[in-house]
Protein backbone atom coordinates (compact mmCIF):
# COMPACT_ATOMS: atom_id res chain seq x y z
CA MET A 1 0.00 0.00 0.00
CA ASN A 2 1.52 3.34 -0.99
CA PHE A 3 1.26 6.68 0.81
CA ALA A 4 -1.42 8.16 -1.48
CA MET A 5 -3.61 5.09 -1.07
CA THR A 6 -3.24 5.27 2.71
CA LEU A 7 -4.38 8.90 2.72
CA ARG A 8 -7.39 8.05 0.52
CA THR A 9 -8.48 5.21 2.75
CA HIS A 10 -7.74 7.06 6.01
CA PRO A 11 -8.35 10.81 5.44
CA TRP A 12 -8.41 11.43 9.19
CA LEU A 13 -4.69 10.54 9.33
CA ALA A 14 -3.68 13.64 7.36
CA ALA A 15 -6.00 15.86 9.40
CA ALA A 16 -4.69 14.46 12.68
CA SER A 17 -1.08 14.97 11.55
CA LEU A 18 -1.72 18.60 10.59
CA LEU A 19 -3.54 19.23 13.86
CA ALA A 20 -0.64 17.75 15.85
CA LEU A 21 1.86 19.90 13.93
CA LEU A 22 -0.23 23.03 14.53
CA LEU A 23 -0.48 22.20 18.23
CA VAL A 24 3.31 21.85 18.51
CA ILE A 25 3.82 25.21 16.75
CA VAL A 26 1.29 27.04 18.93
CA LEU A 27 2.42 25.58 22.25
CA ASN A 28 6.14 25.82 21.62
CA GLY A 29 6.27 28.86 19.36
CA PHE A 30 9.76 27.79 18.28
CA GLY A 31 11.10 30.54 20.57
CA LEU A 32 9.68 33.30 18.36
CA VAL A 33 7.41 34.94 20.92
CA ARG A 34 10.05 35.33 23.61
CA PRO A 35 13.53 34.03 24.23
CA LEU A 36 13.86 30.53 25.60
CA PRO A 37 14.60 30.40 29.34
CA GLY A 38 18.31 30.55 30.00
CA SER A 39 19.15 31.61 26.46
CA GLY A 40 20.78 34.92 27.43
CA SER A 41 22.47 37.13 24.94
CA LEU A 42 25.94 38.42 24.17
CA MET A 43 26.69 41.67 22.36
CA ARG A 44 29.90 43.61 21.67
CA TRP A 45 29.90 47.40 21.77
CA HIS A 46 32.88 49.63 21.07
CA ASP A 47 33.80 53.20 20.29
CA ALA A 48 37.09 55.14 20.35
CA ARG A 49 37.56 54.74 24.14
CA HIS A 50 35.58 51.59 25.04
CA ASP A 51 35.47 47.96 23.96
CA TRP A 52 32.79 46.12 25.92
CA LEU A 53 30.99 42.79 25.96
CA LEU A 54 27.44 42.99 27.29
CA VAL A 55 25.99 39.74 28.63
CA ALA A 56 22.29 39.31 29.44
CA ASP A 57 21.68 36.42 31.83
CA ASP A 58 18.01 35.39 31.85
CA GLN A 59 18.35 32.96 34.77
CA ALA A 60 20.17 35.40 37.07
CA ASN A 61 18.06 38.26 35.70
CA GLN A 62 21.06 40.54 35.31
CA LEU A 63 23.12 42.37 32.70
CA THR A 64 26.90 42.35 33.08
CA VAL A 65 29.26 44.62 31.14
CA TYR A 66 32.81 43.32 30.65
CA ASP A 67 35.92 44.98 29.27
CA ALA A 68 36.49 43.03 26.03
CA THR A 69 40.27 43.39 26.11
CA SER A 70 40.95 42.41 29.74
CA GLY A 71 37.83 40.37 30.53
CA ARG A 72 37.23 42.18 33.82
CA PRO A 73 33.69 43.16 34.81
CA VAL A 74 32.97 46.86 34.34
CA ARG A 75 29.46 47.00 35.79
CA ARG A 76 26.65 44.68 36.77
CA PHE A 77 22.96 45.62 36.51
CA GLY A 78 20.19 43.81 38.36
CA ALA A 79 16.47 43.82 37.67
CA GLY A 80 16.10 46.95 39.80
CA ASP A 81 18.47 48.86 37.52
CA VAL A 82 17.32 47.87 34.03
CA GLY A 83 14.11 45.92 34.63
CA ASP A 84 13.59 42.28 33.74
CA VAL A 85 16.59 40.95 31.77
CA ALA A 86 16.06 38.24 29.15
CA THR A 87 17.98 39.30 26.06
CA LEU A 88 19.61 42.24 24.30
CA MET A 89 18.45 43.97 21.13
CA GLN A 90 20.19 46.58 19.03
CA ARG A 91 18.24 48.78 16.65
CA ASP A 92 19.17 52.02 14.88
CA GLY A 93 22.35 52.30 16.94
CA ARG A 94 20.45 52.01 20.24
CA LEU A 95 20.73 49.17 22.75
CA PHE A 96 17.68 47.70 24.49
CA VAL A 97 17.42 45.27 27.37
CA VAL A 98 14.35 43.13 26.69
CA GLY A 99 12.46 41.34 29.45
CA ASP A 100 10.54 38.06 29.32
CA ASP A 101 7.31 40.02 28.98
CA GLY A 102 8.66 42.00 25.98
CA LYS A 103 9.21 45.25 27.89
CA ARG A 104 12.18 47.15 26.47
CA ASN A 105 14.52 49.40 28.47
CA GLU A 106 16.91 51.53 26.47
CA LEU A 107 20.47 51.63 27.79
CA GLU A 108 22.52 54.71 26.91
CA LEU A 109 26.12 53.91 26.00
CA PRO A 110 28.83 54.64 27.06
CA GLN A 111 27.13 56.27 30.08
CA LEU A 112 25.46 52.96 31.04
CA LYS A 113 22.23 54.68 32.07
CA THR A 114 18.65 53.63 31.46
CA VAL A 115 17.04 56.40 29.42
CA ALA A 116 13.64 55.05 28.38
CA SER A 117 11.38 52.06 28.72
CA SER A 118 8.44 50.84 26.69
CA THR A 119 5.90 48.06 26.95
CA PRO A 120 4.96 45.84 24.01
């Protein structure tokens, strides 16, 4: 019995397969809606005087800034400083700390100050 014949004799099999696939996509989201827990994010930022690595740690809910040349920590931000920390996003030359709920806090560089926040 070939595949086409199986589908003709059992049309519910194709419908059940599509429904199961749709259920997996909706429940999992393939990580598109929000970052996966523990995924974190790493970003490099540099100008004439600074060369930094910014690390977002979703599990510890903190953002750590490291000197990229020496590896030493420059500054550590907790949730009270920059809000919920899940991942980093850069857009139009601006850096955002994005929380699990999608709230974005803009971080001004090189001053390392939060300048604005927005909700999704």
